[in-house]
């Protein structure tokens, strides 16, 4: 277990990280969390390099406090035409339902190398990564740019791999959490480790700090993971319902009425396992999960459907990412939520 003080190194007052929720976070949300004493983060996995620059500029215009930026570690795929056409054929009823042209996207994902160069240029206090692992050389580049590096792990083996390439901190991501699983070494079933068990095991195995993630919704949860050895807690669903997030009314309404037993793991929406609220789209595509292509191919093919559903306010065809703690979400402004979380954490710590 490490004695390095992560909060001091980052220059923040509270052990509260806002998760980088690609597609749902905003500079306003991250700025509000950082200004309140936590660490706001921008999910940049699907942002272009210029969009990364624009988001960082907007955040810095709102606060001078430290913040983080997150990228997906992945290579641009080159699927053969047969794979693409078969995937489109499976999705044809959904395309037809929303009157969409049945055609492949212009590109499958953002170029990671270009995003990485933008990250070096932007120099956030924390550069975090999921879906894969960096090389030791890439970590060294980030250190030279003044960034601390955090890697996502769903098993102790993944956490040790991140420590091995020189990361400063590991985010131990429990299976209860919402959104995509960051698994990159184990198969998906072997990585189904709960937050408390994973945090404790990682804290015992590592010599670098651990940040806990997965269904942490209040100050009691923050106190619990810190007792187990984490130096901070990363909350996603808790901040997803804040008015500063980018989600639409239909998504908000679904979150407001959901409980933990309403969430499921699925790879139907993107080709990578992720946790969200059960809906018609998830049930329709469930029988096809073993056949659909991996991320980011399925994710790009489903993009037009998700956008059309969001525009129509159709929550039954949106990816409603949420963790098992969704029933405890509180729709407060982000700064107020940070204050409440801090009060609850201090009370739990003193009990």
Protein backbone atom coordinates (compact mmCIF):
# COMPACT_ATOMS: atom_id res chain seq x y z
CA UNK A 1 0.00 0.00 0.00
CA UNK A 2 1.31 3.44 -0.95
CA UNK A 3 1.81 6.53 1.20
CA UNK A 4 1.81 8.94 -1.77
CA UNK A 5 -0.84 11.64 -1.24
CA UNK A 6 -2.72 11.79 -4.51
CA UNK A 7 -4.87 14.79 -3.57
CA UNK A 8 -1.80 16.86 -2.76
CA UNK A 9 -0.12 15.89 -6.03
CA UNK A 10 -3.21 16.92 -7.98
CA UNK A 11 -3.73 20.08 -5.93
CA UNK A 12 -7.34 19.29 -4.95
CA UNK A 13 -9.04 19.43 -1.56
CA UNK A 14 -11.60 16.62 -1.73
CA UNK A 15 -11.37 12.89 -2.57
CA UNK A 16 -14.12 13.27 -5.17
CA UNK A 17 -13.56 12.67 -8.89
CA UNK A 18 -16.29 13.21 -11.46
CA UNK A 19 -16.09 10.31 -13.90
CA UNK A 20 -15.25 11.15 -17.52
CA UNK A 21 -18.58 10.26 -19.17
CA UNK A 22 -17.91 10.43 -22.90
CA UNK A 23 -20.88 11.97 -24.69
CA UNK A 24 -22.60 13.02 -21.46
CA UNK A 25 -20.11 15.25 -19.65
CA UNK A 26 -19.55 18.92 -20.43
CA UNK A 27 -16.92 21.54 -19.65
CA UNK A 28 -19.48 23.21 -17.37
CA UNK A 29 -19.92 20.01 -15.33
CA UNK A 30 -16.19 19.38 -14.99
CA UNK A 31 -15.49 23.02 -14.14
CA UNK A 32 -18.16 23.06 -11.43
CA UNK A 33 -16.73 19.93 -9.78
CA UNK A 34 -13.17 21.21 -9.92
CA UNK A 35 -14.12 24.66 -8.63
CA UNK A 36 -15.91 23.01 -5.70
CA UNK A 37 -12.74 21.18 -4.63
CA UNK A 38 -13.05 17.86 -6.45
CA UNK A 39 -11.60 16.80 -9.79
CA UNK A 40 -13.76 17.35 -12.86
CA UNK A 41 -12.93 15.32 -15.95
CA UNK A 42 -13.66 15.50 -19.65
CA UNK A 43 -14.45 12.25 -21.45
CA UNK A 44 -12.61 12.67 -24.74
CA UNK A 45 -12.83 9.19 -26.22
CA UNK A 46 -15.17 10.40 -28.96
CA UNK A 47 -13.96 14.00 -29.15
CA UNK A 48 -11.78 15.07 -32.07
CA UNK A 49 -8.48 16.76 -31.23
CA UNK A 50 -10.05 20.15 -31.97
CA UNK A 51 -13.08 19.32 -29.84
CA UNK A 52 -10.66 18.38 -27.05
CA UNK A 53 -8.99 21.78 -27.38
CA UNK A 54 -12.34 23.58 -27.38
CA UNK A 55 -13.60 21.70 -24.31
CA UNK A 56 -10.39 22.30 -22.36
CA UNK A 57 -10.49 26.01 -23.26
CA UNK A 58 -14.09 26.30 -22.07
CA UNK A 59 -13.24 24.55 -18.82
CA UNK A 60 -10.20 26.75 -18.20
CA UNK A 61 -12.28 29.85 -18.91
CA UNK A 62 -14.63 28.78 -16.11
CA UNK A 63 -12.04 27.82 -13.46
CA UNK A 64 -8.31 27.75 -12.86
CA UNK A 65 -8.57 24.57 -10.79
CA UNK A 66 -7.01 21.23 -11.86
CA UNK A 67 -9.00 18.86 -14.08
CA UNK A 68 -8.59 15.60 -15.94
CA UNK A 69 -9.09 14.34 -19.50
CA UNK A 70 -9.79 10.74 -20.50
CA UNK A 71 -9.11 8.82 -23.72
CA UNK A 72 -10.03 5.38 -25.04
CA UNK A 73 -6.90 3.37 -25.87
CA UNK A 74 -7.73 1.67 -29.17
CA UNK A 75 -6.60 1.20 -32.74
CA UNK A 76 -8.67 2.27 -35.74
CA UNK A 77 -10.25 -0.91 -37.12
CA UNK A 78 -10.32 -2.01 -40.76
CA UNK A 79 -13.23 -4.47 -40.98
CA UNK A 80 -13.86 -6.33 -44.22
CA UNK A 81 -16.95 -5.50 -46.23
CA UNK A 82 -18.67 -8.79 -45.38
CA UNK A 83 -18.45 -8.05 -41.66
CA UNK A 84 -19.84 -4.55 -42.12
CA UNK A 85 -22.69 -5.67 -44.37
CA UNK A 86 -23.66 -8.47 -42.00
CA UNK A 87 -23.72 -6.04 -39.07
CA UNK A 88 -25.83 -3.56 -41.05
CA UNK A 89 -28.26 -6.31 -42.00
CA UNK A 90 -28.79 -7.15 -38.34
CA UNK A 91 -29.53 -3.50 -37.61
CA UNK A 92 -31.71 -2.89 -40.67
CA UNK A 93 -35.02 -2.97 -38.73
CA UNK A 94 -33.76 -0.24 -36.40
CA UNK A 95 -32.52 1.90 -39.29
CA UNK A 96 -35.89 1.46 -40.98
CA UNK A 97 -37.76 2.33 -37.78
CA UNK A 98 -36.01 5.73 -37.69
CA UNK A 99 -36.02 6.21 -41.50
CA UNK A 100 -32.23 6.15 -41.69
CA UNK A 101 -30.16 5.26 -44.77
CA UNK A 102 -28.57 1.83 -44.31
CA UNK A 103 -24.90 2.66 -44.89
CA UNK A 104 -21.60 2.44 -43.02
CA UNK A 105 -20.24 5.55 -41.22
CA UNK A 106 -17.61 7.83 -42.71
CA UNK A 107 -15.17 6.61 -40.03
CA UNK A 108 -15.20 4.16 -37.16
CA UNK A 109 -13.58 6.24 -34.42
CA UNK A 110 -11.27 9.12 -33.69
CA UNK A 111 -7.57 8.58 -34.33
CA UNK A 112 -5.98 7.78 -30.98
CA UNK A 113 -2.51 9.02 -31.93
CA UNK A 114 -3.92 12.43 -32.89
CA UNK A 115 -5.93 12.57 -29.68
CA UNK A 116 -2.85 11.64 -27.66
CA UNK A 117 -0.85 14.46 -29.23
CA UNK A 118 -3.66 16.89 -28.36
CA UNK A 119 -3.59 15.61 -24.78
CA UNK A 120 0.15 16.29 -24.55
CA UNK A 121 -0.49 19.79 -25.86
CA UNK A 122 -3.33 20.50 -23.41
CA UNK A 123 -1.50 19.25 -20.29
CA UNK A 124 -4.37 18.45 -17.93
CA UNK A 125 -3.46 17.70 -14.32
CA UNK A 126 -4.62 14.11 -14.83
CA UNK A 127 -4.57 12.11 -18.05
CA UNK A 128 -6.69 8.98 -17.66
CA UNK A 129 -7.23 6.03 -19.97
CA UNK A 130 -9.56 3.09 -20.47
CA UNK A 131 -10.15 0.17 -22.89
CA UNK A 132 -6.42 -0.58 -23.08
CA UNK A 133 -2.98 0.31 -21.77
CA UNK A 134 -0.25 2.75 -22.76
CA UNK A 135 3.38 1.93 -23.39
CA UNK A 136 6.02 3.00 -20.90
CA UNK A 137 7.20 5.57 -23.47
CA UNK A 138 3.75 7.13 -23.77
CA UNK A 139 3.50 7.42 -19.99
CA UNK A 140 6.90 9.11 -19.95
CA UNK A 141 5.71 11.62 -22.55
CA UNK A 142 2.75 12.53 -20.37
CA UNK A 143 4.98 12.91 -17.33
CA UNK A 144 7.23 15.23 -19.33
CA UNK A 145 4.16 17.30 -20.16
CA UNK A 146 3.36 17.62 -16.44
CA UNK A 147 0.43 15.18 -16.32
CA UNK A 148 -0.24 12.49 -13.76
CA UNK A 149 -1.37 9.28 -15.47
CA UNK A 150 -4.30 7.12 -14.36
CA UNK A 151 -5.20 3.79 -15.93
CA UNK A 152 -8.51 1.96 -15.58
CA UNK A 153 -8.40 -1.60 -14.22
CA UNK A 154 -11.15 -4.17 -13.70
CA UNK A 155 -8.81 -6.79 -12.19
CA UNK A 156 -5.69 -6.77 -10.04
CA UNK A 157 -3.69 -8.04 -13.02
CA UNK A 158 -4.72 -5.00 -15.06
CA UNK A 159 -3.87 -2.71 -12.13
CA UNK A 160 -0.41 -4.26 -11.88
CA UNK A 161 0.06 -3.85 -15.63
CA UNK A 162 -0.64 -0.13 -15.34
CA UNK A 163 1.77 0.15 -12.43
CA UNK A 164 4.32 -1.68 -14.55
CA UNK A 165 4.27 0.94 -17.32
CA UNK A 166 4.76 3.77 -14.84
CA UNK A 167 1.21 5.02 -14.17
CA UNK A 168 0.81 7.25 -11.12
CA UNK A 169 -2.60 5.96 -10.08
CA UNK A 170 -5.06 3.19 -10.94
CA UNK A 171 -8.83 3.55 -11.13
CA UNK A 172 -10.26 0.29 -9.78
CA UNK A 173 -13.54 -0.03 -11.70
CA UNK A 174 -16.10 -2.34 -10.10
CA UNK A 175 -18.71 -4.23 -12.08
CA UNK A 176 -21.54 -2.27 -10.44
CA UNK A 177 -20.55 0.89 -12.29
CA UNK A 178 -22.43 2.38 -15.22
CA UNK A 179 -21.17 2.70 -18.77
CA UNK A 180 -18.41 0.74 -20.46
CA UNK A 181 -16.20 -1.81 -18.76
CA UNK A 182 -12.51 -1.03 -19.12
CA UNK A 183 -11.37 -4.66 -19.27
CA UNK A 184 -8.31 -5.25 -21.47
CA UNK A 185 -6.53 -8.36 -20.13
CA UNK A 186 -9.19 -10.71 -18.76
CA UNK A 187 -12.29 -12.00 -20.47
CA UNK A 188 -15.39 -10.05 -19.53
CA UNK A 189 -16.81 -12.63 -17.10
CA UNK A 190 -13.54 -12.94 -15.18
CA UNK A 191 -13.55 -9.17 -14.68
CA UNK A 192 -16.93 -9.13 -12.89
CA UNK A 193 -15.39 -8.05 -9.60
CA UNK A 194 -17.33 -5.81 -7.21
CA UNK A 195 -16.01 -2.41 -6.27
CA UNK A 196 -15.22 -3.15 -2.62
CA UNK A 197 -13.43 -6.42 -3.35
CA UNK A 198 -11.45 -4.90 -6.23
CA UNK A 199 -10.44 -1.76 -4.33
CA UNK A 200 -9.23 -3.74 -1.34
CA UNK A 201 -7.23 -6.17 -3.49
CA UNK A 202 -5.68 -3.39 -5.59
CA UNK A 203 -4.76 -1.33 -2.52
CA UNK A 204 -2.97 -4.38 -1.08
CA UNK A 205 -1.19 -5.25 -4.33
CA UNK A 206 -0.04 -1.84 -5.55
CA UNK A 207 2.54 0.70 -4.47
CA UNK A 208 0.72 3.55 -6.28
CA UNK A 209 -2.59 5.16 -5.23
CA UNK A 210 -5.98 3.67 -6.04
CA UNK A 211 -9.14 5.55 -7.00
CA UNK A 212 -12.36 3.59 -6.52
CA UNK A 213 -15.20 3.57 -9.06
CA UNK A 214 -18.48 1.69 -9.33
CA UNK A 215 -21.88 2.57 -7.82
CA UNK A 216 -20.52 5.10 -5.32
CA UNK A 217 -23.33 7.59 -4.81
CA UNK A 218 -22.85 9.32 -1.45
CA UNK A 219 -20.39 10.23 1.27
CA UNK A 220 -20.82 6.87 3.00
CA UNK A 221 -19.56 5.19 -0.16
CA UNK A 222 -16.58 7.53 -0.32
CA UNK A 223 -15.75 6.76 3.32
CA UNK A 224 -16.11 3.03 2.68
CA UNK A 225 -13.67 2.88 -0.23
CA UNK A 226 -11.18 5.09 1.57
CA UNK A 227 -11.32 2.72 4.53
CA UNK A 228 -10.42 -0.08 2.12
CA UNK A 229 -7.37 1.81 0.84
CA UNK A 230 -8.58 4.08 -1.98
CA UNK A 231 -7.41 7.68 -1.83
CA UNK A 232 -10.42 9.01 -3.76
CA UNK A 233 -13.74 7.93 -5.23
CA UNK A 234 -14.80 8.44 -8.85
CA UNK A 235 -18.54 9.00 -9.32
CA UNK A 236 -20.31 8.85 -12.66
CA UNK A 237 -24.05 8.19 -12.31
CA UNK A 238 -24.19 10.56 -9.33
CA UNK A 239 -23.04 13.44 -11.57
CA UNK A 240 -24.92 12.27 -14.67
CA UNK A 241 -28.18 13.66 -13.27
CA UNK A 242 -26.72 17.11 -12.57
CA UNK A 243 -28.22 19.87 -14.74
CA UNK A 244 -24.76 20.58 -16.21
CA UNK A 245 -24.53 17.15 -17.89
CA UNK A 246 -25.31 16.81 -21.60
CA UNK A 247 -28.04 14.16 -21.39
CA UNK A 248 -31.52 14.91 -22.74
CA UNK A 249 -34.95 14.91 -21.05
CA UNK A 250 -35.83 11.31 -21.95
CA UNK A 251 -32.57 10.02 -20.47
CA UNK A 252 -33.07 12.13 -17.34
CA UNK A 253 -36.60 10.80 -16.87
CA UNK A 254 -35.36 7.21 -17.22
CA UNK A 255 -32.67 7.80 -14.59
CA UNK A 256 -35.22 9.37 -12.22
CA UNK A 257 -37.46 6.31 -12.22
CA UNK A 258 -34.78 3.59 -12.27
CA UNK A 259 -33.39 1.46 -9.46
CA UNK A 260 -30.31 -0.74 -9.29
CA UNK A 261 -32.18 -3.87 -10.34
CA UNK A 262 -33.15 -2.13 -13.60
CA UNK A 263 -29.59 -2.10 -14.95
CA UNK A 264 -28.02 -4.78 -17.15
CA UNK A 265 -24.68 -5.50 -18.79
CA UNK A 266 -24.88 -5.47 -22.58
CA UNK A 267 -22.63 -5.19 -25.61
CA UNK A 268 -25.53 -4.55 -27.99
CA UNK A 269 -25.08 -0.80 -28.22
CA UNK A 270 -21.36 -0.58 -28.81
CA UNK A 271 -19.72 -4.00 -29.09
CA UNK A 272 -18.10 -3.60 -25.66
CA UNK A 273 -19.74 -4.67 -22.41
CA UNK A 274 -21.39 -1.78 -20.61
CA UNK A 275 -24.02 -1.30 -17.90
CA UNK A 276 -27.21 0.59 -18.59
CA UNK A 277 -30.92 0.70 -17.81
CA UNK A 278 -32.88 -2.07 -19.49
CA UNK A 279 -35.01 -0.86 -22.40
CA UNK A 280 -36.58 -2.06 -25.66
CA UNK A 281 -33.38 -1.64 -27.67
CA UNK A 282 -31.39 -3.72 -25.21
CA UNK A 283 -33.99 -6.49 -25.25
CA UNK A 284 -34.29 -6.45 -29.06
CA UNK A 285 -30.55 -6.79 -29.60
CA UNK A 286 -29.86 -9.20 -26.72
CA UNK A 287 -30.13 -12.35 -28.91
CA UNK A 288 -27.54 -10.86 -31.30
CA UNK A 289 -24.86 -10.04 -28.71
CA UNK A 290 -22.58 -12.93 -29.64
CA UNK A 291 -22.70 -12.00 -33.33
CA UNK A 292 -22.20 -8.26 -33.28
CA UNK A 293 -18.75 -6.80 -34.10
CA UNK A 294 -16.46 -5.42 -31.42
CA UNK A 295 -16.08 -1.80 -30.38
CA UNK A 296 -15.79 0.64 -32.13
CA UNK A 297 -17.48 -0.94 -35.18
CA UNK A 298 -20.83 -1.66 -33.53
CA UNK A 299 -20.65 1.66 -31.70
CA UNK A 300 -20.27 3.58 -34.98
CA UNK A 301 -23.04 1.59 -36.69
CA UNK A 302 -25.40 2.27 -33.80
CA UNK A 303 -24.54 5.98 -33.72
CA UNK A 304 -27.26 7.10 -36.18
CA UNK A 305 -29.89 5.09 -34.29
CA UNK A 306 -28.89 6.52 -30.91
CA UNK A 307 -28.86 10.08 -32.26
CA UNK A 308 -32.24 9.68 -33.94
CA UNK A 309 -33.75 8.22 -30.76
CA UNK A 310 -32.33 11.04 -28.63
CA UNK A 311 -33.69 13.63 -31.04
CA UNK A 312 -37.11 11.96 -30.88
CA UNK A 313 -37.02 11.74 -27.07
CA UNK A 314 -37.33 7.96 -27.35
CA UNK A 315 -35.77 6.50 -24.18
CA UNK A 316 -36.50 2.95 -25.35
CA UNK A 317 -33.83 3.26 -28.06
CA UNK A 318 -31.12 5.27 -26.24
CA UNK A 319 -28.13 3.75 -24.47
CA UNK A 320 -29.15 4.65 -20.90
CA UNK A 321 -25.79 4.13 -19.20
CA UNK A 322 -26.16 3.98 -15.42
CA UNK A 323 -24.69 2.12 -12.46
CA UNK A 324 -26.43 0.00 -9.87
CA UNK A 325 -26.60 2.98 -7.51
CA UNK A 326 -28.87 4.92 -9.88
CA UNK A 327 -31.78 4.85 -7.43
CA UNK A 328 -29.79 7.08 -5.07
CA UNK A 329 -29.01 9.77 -7.66
CA UNK A 330 -29.80 13.35 -6.66
CA UNK A 331 -30.45 15.94 -9.36
CA UNK A 332 -28.49 18.76 -7.74
CA UNK A 333 -26.23 21.33 -9.39
CA UNK A 334 -22.75 19.85 -9.53
CA UNK A 335 -21.14 22.27 -7.06
CA UNK A 336 -23.92 21.66 -4.55
CA UNK A 337 -23.61 17.90 -4.99
CA UNK A 338 -19.88 18.08 -4.28
CA UNK A 339 -20.63 20.02 -1.08
CA UNK A 340 -23.23 17.47 0.02
CA UNK A 341 -20.90 14.56 -0.75
CA UNK A 342 -18.10 16.20 1.24
CA UNK A 343 -20.40 16.78 4.23
CA UNK A 344 -21.62 13.17 4.12
CA UNK A 345 -18.07 11.83 3.80
CA UNK A 346 -16.85 13.84 6.78
CA UNK A 347 -19.84 12.73 8.88
CA UNK A 348 -19.26 9.08 7.96
CA UNK A 349 -15.55 9.39 8.72
CA UNK A 350 -16.30 10.85 12.15
CA UNK A 351 -18.91 8.22 13.06
